[in-house]
Amino acid sequence: MVRKKEEVPENILPEISGNRKKDLQSFLKKKNVEFGIQLLKHYVPRNRRLIAYCETSKDKKYITENLKAILI
């Protein structure tokens, strides 16, 4: 008898739509740090210092404040 490997559902992140308002709303609904970092990489790719700090700190409040300032 062969056992099937159990598939572990990956944490599915929303897609970046390109619409700043929709992207911010989807981030605020999910409050997912990884999605917030992806949004920062998409909208401000040259601000490497901000992205690096957010990746290391994983501070939701800091990421939220920066995304609101950038996307509004």
PDB file of N, CA and C in Angstrom:
ATOM      1  N   MET A   1       0.836  -1.167   0.000  1.00  0.00           N
ATOM      2  CA  MET A   1       0.000   0.000   0.000  1.00  0.00           C
ATOM      3  C   MET A   1       0.897   1.253   0.000  1.00  0.00           C
ATOM      4  N   VAL A   2       0.636   2.146  -0.904  1.00  0.00           N
ATOM      5  CA  VAL A   2       1.443   3.353  -1.042  1.00  0.00           C
ATOM      6  C   VAL A   2       0.702   4.518  -0.396  1.00  0.00           C
ATOM      7  N   ARG A   3       1.405   5.199   0.480  1.00  0.00           N
ATOM      8  CA  ARG A   3       0.803   6.366   1.126  1.00  0.00           C
ATOM      9  C   ARG A   3       1.067   7.605   0.284  1.00  0.00           C
ATOM     10  N   LYS A   4       0.055   8.408   0.165  1.00  0.00           N
ATOM     11  CA  LYS A   4       0.223   9.674  -0.542  1.00  0.00           C
ATOM     12  C   LYS A   4       0.808  10.698   0.419  1.00  0.00           C
ATOM     13  N   LYS A   5       1.676  11.495  -0.113  1.00  0.00           N
ATOM     14  CA  LYS A   5       2.241  12.564   0.705  1.00  0.00           C
ATOM     15  C   LYS A   5       1.155  13.599   0.967  1.00  0.00           C
ATOM     16  N   GLU A   6       1.080  14.009   2.200  1.00  0.00           N
ATOM     17  CA  GLU A   6       0.111  15.047   2.531  1.00  0.00           C
ATOM     18  C   GLU A   6       0.619  16.376   2.005  1.00  0.00           C
ATOM     19  N   GLU A   7      -0.252  17.036   1.281  1.00  0.00           N
ATOM     20  CA  GLU A   7       0.127  18.327   0.732  1.00  0.00           C
ATOM     21  C   GLU A   7      -0.119  19.397   1.780  1.00  0.00           C
ATOM     22  N   VAL A   8       0.916  20.105   2.085  1.00  0.00           N
ATOM     23  CA  VAL A   8       0.803  21.194   3.049  1.00  0.00           C
ATOM     24  C   VAL A   8       0.418  22.447   2.273  1.00  0.00           C
ATOM     25  N   PRO A   9      -0.737  23.027   2.594  1.00  0.00           N
ATOM     26  CA  PRO A   9      -1.123  24.234   1.858  1.00  0.00           C
ATOM     27  C   PRO A   9      -0.175  25.379   2.180  1.00  0.00           C
ATOM     28  N   GLU A  10       0.352  25.969   1.138  1.00  0.00           N
ATOM     29  CA  GLU A  10       1.262  27.090   1.326  1.00  0.00           C
ATOM     30  C   GLU A  10       0.458  28.331   1.674  1.00  0.00           C
ATOM     31  N   ASN A  11       1.088  29.211   2.380  1.00  0.00           N
ATOM     32  CA  ASN A  11       0.448  30.468   2.719  1.00  0.00           C
ATOM     33  C   ASN A  11       0.343  31.284   1.429  1.00  0.00           C
ATOM     34  N   ILE A  12      -0.840  31.312   0.863  1.00  0.00           N
ATOM     35  CA  ILE A  12      -1.033  31.962  -0.429  1.00  0.00           C
ATOM     36  C   ILE A  12      -1.165  33.467  -0.218  1.00  0.00           C
ATOM     37  N   LEU A  13      -0.281  34.204  -0.861  1.00  0.00           N
ATOM     38  CA  LEU A  13      -0.303  35.652  -0.776  1.00  0.00           C
ATOM     39  C   LEU A  13      -1.149  36.205  -1.906  1.00  0.00           C
ATOM     40  N   PRO A  14      -1.840  37.309  -1.670  1.00  0.00           N
ATOM     41  CA  PRO A  14      -2.594  37.934  -2.758  1.00  0.00           C
ATOM     42  C   PRO A  14      -1.642  38.431  -3.844  1.00  0.00           C
ATOM     43  N   GLU A  15      -2.163  38.531  -5.043  1.00  0.00           N
ATOM     44  CA  GLU A  15      -1.340  39.029  -6.145  1.00  0.00           C
ATOM     45  C   GLU A  15      -1.324  40.551  -6.128  1.00  0.00           C
ATOM     46  N   ILE A  16      -0.235  41.100  -6.581  1.00  0.00           N
ATOM     47  CA  ILE A  16      -0.128  42.552  -6.702  1.00  0.00           C
ATOM     48  C   ILE A  16      -0.852  42.949  -7.978  1.00  0.00           C
ATOM     49  N   SER A  17      -1.884  43.793  -7.830  1.00  0.00           N
ATOM     50  CA  SER A  17      -2.727  44.137  -8.970  1.00  0.00           C
ATOM     51  C   SER A  17      -2.164  45.298  -9.782  1.00  0.00           C
ATOM     52  N   GLY A  18      -1.339  46.117  -9.166  1.00  0.00           N
ATOM     53  CA  GLY A  18      -0.843  47.302  -9.854  1.00  0.00           C
ATOM     54  C   GLY A  18      -1.670  48.532  -9.510  1.00  0.00           C
ATOM     55  N   ASN A  19      -2.840  48.311  -8.927  1.00  0.00           N
ATOM     56  CA  ASN A  19      -3.692  49.401  -8.469  1.00  0.00           C
ATOM     57  C   ASN A  19      -3.337  49.674  -7.008  1.00  0.00           C
ATOM     58  N   ARG A  20      -2.825  50.855  -6.742  1.00  0.00           N
ATOM     59  CA  ARG A  20      -2.320  51.162  -5.405  1.00  0.00           C
ATOM     60  C   ARG A  20      -3.386  51.022  -4.323  1.00  0.00           C
ATOM     61  N   LYS A  21      -4.603  51.501  -4.603  1.00  0.00           N
ATOM     62  CA  LYS A  21      -5.666  51.422  -3.593  1.00  0.00           C
ATOM     63  C   LYS A  21      -6.042  49.979  -3.286  1.00  0.00           C
ATOM     64  N   LYS A  22      -6.202  49.178  -4.325  1.00  0.00           N
ATOM     65  CA  LYS A  22      -6.574  47.774  -4.118  1.00  0.00           C
ATOM     66  C   LYS A  22      -5.473  47.012  -3.393  1.00  0.00           C
ATOM     67  N   ASP A  23      -4.237  47.283  -3.758  1.00  0.00           N
ATOM     68  CA  ASP A  23      -3.119  46.607  -3.096  1.00  0.00           C
ATOM     69  C   ASP A  23      -3.053  46.979  -1.617  1.00  0.00           C
ATOM     70  N   LEU A  24      -3.259  48.255  -1.307  1.00  0.00           N
ATOM     71  CA  LEU A  24      -3.238  48.684   0.093  1.00  0.00           C
ATOM     72  C   LEU A  24      -4.395  48.053   0.863  1.00  0.00           C
ATOM     73  N   GLN A  25      -5.588  48.013   0.250  1.00  0.00           N
ATOM     74  CA  GLN A  25      -6.744  47.406   0.916  1.00  0.00           C
ATOM     75  C   GLN A  25      -6.519  45.926   1.180  1.00  0.00           C
ATOM     76  N   SER A  26      -5.963  45.220   0.210  1.00  0.00           N
ATOM     77  CA  SER A  26      -5.729  43.790   0.421  1.00  0.00           C
ATOM     78  C   SER A  26      -4.662  43.569   1.493  1.00  0.00           C
ATOM     79  N   PHE A  27      -3.672  44.458   1.579  1.00  0.00           N
ATOM     80  CA  PHE A  27      -2.682  44.339   2.654  1.00  0.00           C
ATOM     81  C   PHE A  27      -3.324  44.605   4.010  1.00  0.00           C
ATOM     82  N   LEU A  28      -4.161  45.641   4.086  1.00  0.00           N
ATOM     83  CA  LEU A  28      -4.782  45.983   5.363  1.00  0.00           C
ATOM     84  C   LEU A  28      -5.739  44.891   5.833  1.00  0.00           C
ATOM     85  N   LYS A  29      -6.356  44.173   4.900  1.00  0.00           N
ATOM     86  CA  LYS A  29      -7.240  43.056   5.276  1.00  0.00           C
ATOM     87  C   LYS A  29      -6.438  41.891   5.829  1.00  0.00           C
ATOM     88  N   LYS A  30      -5.365  41.537   5.145  1.00  0.00           N
ATOM     89  CA  LYS A  30      -4.587  40.349   5.511  1.00  0.00           C
ATOM     90  C   LYS A  30      -3.566  40.621   6.607  1.00  0.00           C
ATOM     91  N   LYS A  31      -2.978  41.828   6.606  1.00  0.00           N
ATOM     92  CA  LYS A  31      -1.899  42.177   7.537  1.00  0.00           C
ATOM     93  C   LYS A  31      -0.769  41.151   7.478  1.00  0.00           C
ATOM     94  N   ASN A  32      -0.442  40.721   6.265  1.00  0.00           N
ATOM     95  CA  ASN A  32       0.611  39.738   6.062  1.00  0.00           C
ATOM     96  C   ASN A  32       1.922  40.476   5.804  1.00  0.00           C
ATOM     97  N   VAL A  33       2.899  40.224   6.643  1.00  0.00           N
ATOM     98  CA  VAL A  33       4.188  40.915   6.556  1.00  0.00           C
ATOM     99  C   VAL A  33       4.874  40.627   5.222  1.00  0.00           C
ATOM    100  N   GLU A  34       4.841  39.382   4.785  1.00  0.00           N
ATOM    101  CA  GLU A  34       5.507  39.016   3.527  1.00  0.00           C
ATOM    102  C   GLU A  34       4.876  39.739   2.338  1.00  0.00           C
ATOM    103  N   PHE A  35       3.553  39.860   2.332  1.00  0.00           N
ATOM    104  CA  PHE A  35       2.879  40.584   1.255  1.00  0.00           C
ATOM    105  C   PHE A  35       3.243  42.065   1.312  1.00  0.00           C
ATOM    106  N   GLY A  36       3.350  42.615   2.507  1.00  0.00           N
ATOM    107  CA  GLY A  36       3.755  44.013   2.657  1.00  0.00           C
ATOM    108  C   GLY A  36       5.149  44.261   2.106  1.00  0.00           C
ATOM    109  N   ILE A  37       6.046  43.331   2.365  1.00  0.00           N
ATOM    110  CA  ILE A  37       7.412  43.460   1.848  1.00  0.00           C
ATOM    111  C   ILE A  37       7.417  43.349   0.325  1.00  0.00           C
ATOM    112  N   GLN A  38       6.586  42.463  -0.219  1.00  0.00           N
ATOM    113  CA  GLN A  38       6.484  42.356  -1.678  1.00  0.00           C
ATOM    114  C   GLN A  38       5.964  43.653  -2.282  1.00  0.00           C
ATOM    115  N   LEU A  39       4.993  44.278  -1.618  1.00  0.00           N
ATOM    116  CA  LEU A  39       4.473  45.558  -2.107  1.00  0.00           C
ATOM    117  C   LEU A  39       5.557  46.632  -2.082  1.00  0.00           C
ATOM    118  N   LEU A  40       6.333  46.667  -1.013  1.00  0.00           N
ATOM    119  CA  LEU A  40       7.425  47.640  -0.949  1.00  0.00           C
ATOM    120  C   LEU A  40       8.425  47.402  -2.075  1.00  0.00           C
ATOM    121  N   LYS A  41       8.761  46.151  -2.322  1.00  0.00           N
ATOM    122  CA  LYS A  41       9.703  45.834  -3.404  1.00  0.00           C
ATOM    123  C   LYS A  41       9.140  46.233  -4.760  1.00  0.00           C
ATOM    124  N   HIS A  42       7.816  46.113  -4.918  1.00  0.00           N
ATOM    125  CA  HIS A  42       7.184  46.439  -6.195  1.00  0.00           C
ATOM    126  C   HIS A  42       7.107  47.953  -6.418  1.00  0.00           C
ATOM    127  N   TYR A  43       6.690  48.691  -5.383  1.00  0.00           N
ATOM    128  CA  TYR A  43       6.437  50.118  -5.556  1.00  0.00           C
ATOM    129  C   TYR A  43       7.649  51.011  -5.298  1.00  0.00           C
ATOM    130  N   VAL A  44       8.574  50.599  -4.455  1.00  0.00           N
ATOM    131  CA  VAL A  44       9.784  51.403  -4.208  1.00  0.00           C
ATOM    132  C   VAL A  44      11.019  50.510  -4.271  1.00  0.00           C
ATOM    133  N   PRO A  45      11.314  49.956  -5.451  1.00  0.00           N
ATOM    134  CA  PRO A  45      12.428  49.006  -5.553  1.00  0.00           C
ATOM    135  C   PRO A  45      13.795  49.631  -5.271  1.00  0.00           C
ATOM    136  N   ARG A  46      13.916  50.933  -5.426  1.00  0.00           N
ATOM    137  CA  ARG A  46      15.225  51.569  -5.217  1.00  0.00           C
ATOM    138  C   ARG A  46      15.507  51.873  -3.750  1.00  0.00           C
ATOM    139  N   ASN A  47      14.473  51.841  -2.916  1.00  0.00           N
ATOM    140  CA  ASN A  47      14.671  52.134  -1.493  1.00  0.00           C
ATOM    141  C   ASN A  47      15.073  50.847  -0.772  1.00  0.00           C
ATOM    142  N   ARG A  48      16.292  50.430  -1.013  1.00  0.00           N
ATOM    143  CA  ARG A  48      16.778  49.150  -0.481  1.00  0.00           C
ATOM    144  C   ARG A  48      16.935  49.170   1.031  1.00  0.00           C
ATOM    145  N   ARG A  49      17.231  50.324   1.577  1.00  0.00           N
ATOM    146  CA  ARG A  49      17.399  50.419   3.031  1.00  0.00           C
ATOM    147  C   ARG A  49      16.070  50.138   3.740  1.00  0.00           C
ATOM    148  N   LEU A  50      14.987  50.715   3.228  1.00  0.00           N
ATOM    149  CA  LEU A  50      13.660  50.474   3.800  1.00  0.00           C
ATOM    150  C   LEU A  50      13.271  49.006   3.678  1.00  0.00           C
ATOM    151  N   ILE A  51      13.481  48.434   2.506  1.00  0.00           N
ATOM    152  CA  ILE A  51      13.134  47.030   2.271  1.00  0.00           C
ATOM    153  C   ILE A  51      13.953  46.120   3.179  1.00  0.00           C
ATOM    154  N   ALA A  52      15.240  46.388   3.296  1.00  0.00           N
ATOM    155  CA  ALA A  52      16.100  45.558   4.142  1.00  0.00           C
ATOM    156  C   ALA A  52      15.679  45.639   5.605  1.00  0.00           C
ATOM    157  N   TYR A  53      15.350  46.835   6.075  1.00  0.00           N
ATOM    158  CA  TYR A  53      14.925  46.977   7.464  1.00  0.00           C
ATOM    159  C   TYR A  53      13.622  46.220   7.713  1.00  0.00           C
ATOM    160  N   CYS A  54      12.681  46.344   6.782  1.00  0.00           N
ATOM    161  CA  CYS A  54      11.390  45.665   6.945  1.00  0.00           C
ATOM    162  C   CYS A  54      11.557  44.148   6.905  1.00  0.00           C
ATOM    163  N   GLU A  55      12.461  43.661   6.069  1.00  0.00           N
ATOM    164  CA  GLU A  55      12.700  42.214   5.996  1.00  0.00           C
ATOM    165  C   GLU A  55      13.305  41.683   7.285  1.00  0.00           C
ATOM    166  N   THR A  56      14.171  42.454   7.902  1.00  0.00           N
ATOM    167  CA  THR A  56      14.820  41.965   9.121  1.00  0.00           C
ATOM    168  C   THR A  56      13.956  42.158  10.355  1.00  0.00           C
ATOM    169  N   SER A  57      13.220  43.263  10.421  1.00  0.00           N
ATOM    170  CA  SER A  57      12.451  43.541  11.636  1.00  0.00           C
ATOM    171  C   SER A  57      11.094  42.838  11.654  1.00  0.00           C
ATOM    172  N   LYS A  58      10.473  42.675  10.489  1.00  0.00           N
ATOM    173  CA  LYS A  58       9.129  42.084  10.378  1.00  0.00           C
ATOM    174  C   LYS A  58       8.120  42.830  11.253  1.00  0.00           C
ATOM    175  N   ASP A  59       8.290  44.140  11.379  1.00  0.00           N
ATOM    176  CA  ASP A  59       7.430  44.976  12.212  1.00  0.00           C
ATOM    177  C   ASP A  59       6.194  45.393  11.407  1.00  0.00           C
ATOM    178  N   LYS A  60       5.038  44.831  11.767  1.00  0.00           N
ATOM    179  CA  LYS A  60       3.803  45.097  11.019  1.00  0.00           C
ATOM    180  C   LYS A  60       3.425  46.574  11.041  1.00  0.00           C
ATOM    181  N   LYS A  61       3.564  47.196  12.201  1.00  0.00           N
ATOM    182  CA  LYS A  61       3.175  48.598  12.328  1.00  0.00           C
ATOM    183  C   LYS A  61       4.041  49.484  11.431  1.00  0.00           C
ATOM    184  N   TYR A  62       5.337  49.244  11.413  1.00  0.00           N
ATOM    185  CA  TYR A  62       6.258  50.036  10.595  1.00  0.00           C
ATOM    186  C   TYR A  62       5.972  49.832   9.105  1.00  0.00           C
ATOM    187  N   ILE A  63       5.744  48.593   8.709  1.00  0.00           N
ATOM    188  CA  ILE A  63       5.440  48.296   7.306  1.00  0.00           C
ATOM    189  C   ILE A  63       4.128  48.953   6.903  1.00  0.00           C
ATOM    190  N   THR A  64       3.122  48.876   7.776  1.00  0.00           N
ATOM    191  CA  THR A  64       1.819  49.477   7.492  1.00  0.00           C
ATOM    192  C   THR A  64       1.935  50.987   7.326  1.00  0.00           C
ATOM    193  N   GLU A  65       2.658  51.647   8.218  1.00  0.00           N
ATOM    194  CA  GLU A  65       2.835  53.100   8.129  1.00  0.00           C
ATOM    195  C   GLU A  65       3.513  53.496   6.823  1.00  0.00           C
ATOM    196  N   ASN A  66       4.541  52.773   6.434  1.00  0.00           N
ATOM    197  CA  ASN A  66       5.259  53.096   5.199  1.00  0.00           C
ATOM    198  C   ASN A  66       4.410  52.832   3.971  1.00  0.00           C
ATOM    199  N   LEU A  67       3.669  51.730   3.964  1.00  0.00           N
ATOM    200  CA  LEU A  67       2.814  51.444   2.815  1.00  0.00           C
ATOM    201  C   LEU A  67       1.713  52.489   2.675  1.00  0.00           C
ATOM    202  N   LYS A  68       1.149  52.916   3.787  1.00  0.00           N
ATOM    203  CA  LYS A  68       0.124  53.963   3.720  1.00  0.00           C
ATOM    204  C   LYS A  68       0.709  55.248   3.152  1.00  0.00           C
ATOM    205  N   ALA A  69       1.910  55.607   3.582  1.00  0.00           N
ATOM    206  CA  ALA A  69       2.545  56.828   3.090  1.00  0.00           C
ATOM    207  C   ALA A  69       2.882  56.729   1.604  1.00  0.00           C
ATOM    208  N   ILE A  70       3.266  55.550   1.153  1.00  0.00           N
ATOM    209  CA  ILE A  70       3.677  55.371  -0.239  1.00  0.00           C
ATOM    210  C   ILE A  70       2.478  55.218  -1.168  1.00  0.00           C
ATOM    211  N   LEU A  71       1.479  54.458  -0.752  1.00  0.00           N
ATOM    212  CA  LEU A  71       0.394  54.090  -1.655  1.00  0.00           C
ATOM    213  C   LEU A  71      -0.794  55.048  -1.649  1.00  0.00           C
ATOM    214  N   ILE A  72      -0.856  55.957  -0.681  1.00  0.00           N
ATOM    215  CA  ILE A  72      -1.998  56.896  -0.667  1.00  0.00           C
ATOM    216  C   ILE A  72      -1.630  58.136  -1.437  1.00  0.00           C
TER     217      ILE A  72
END
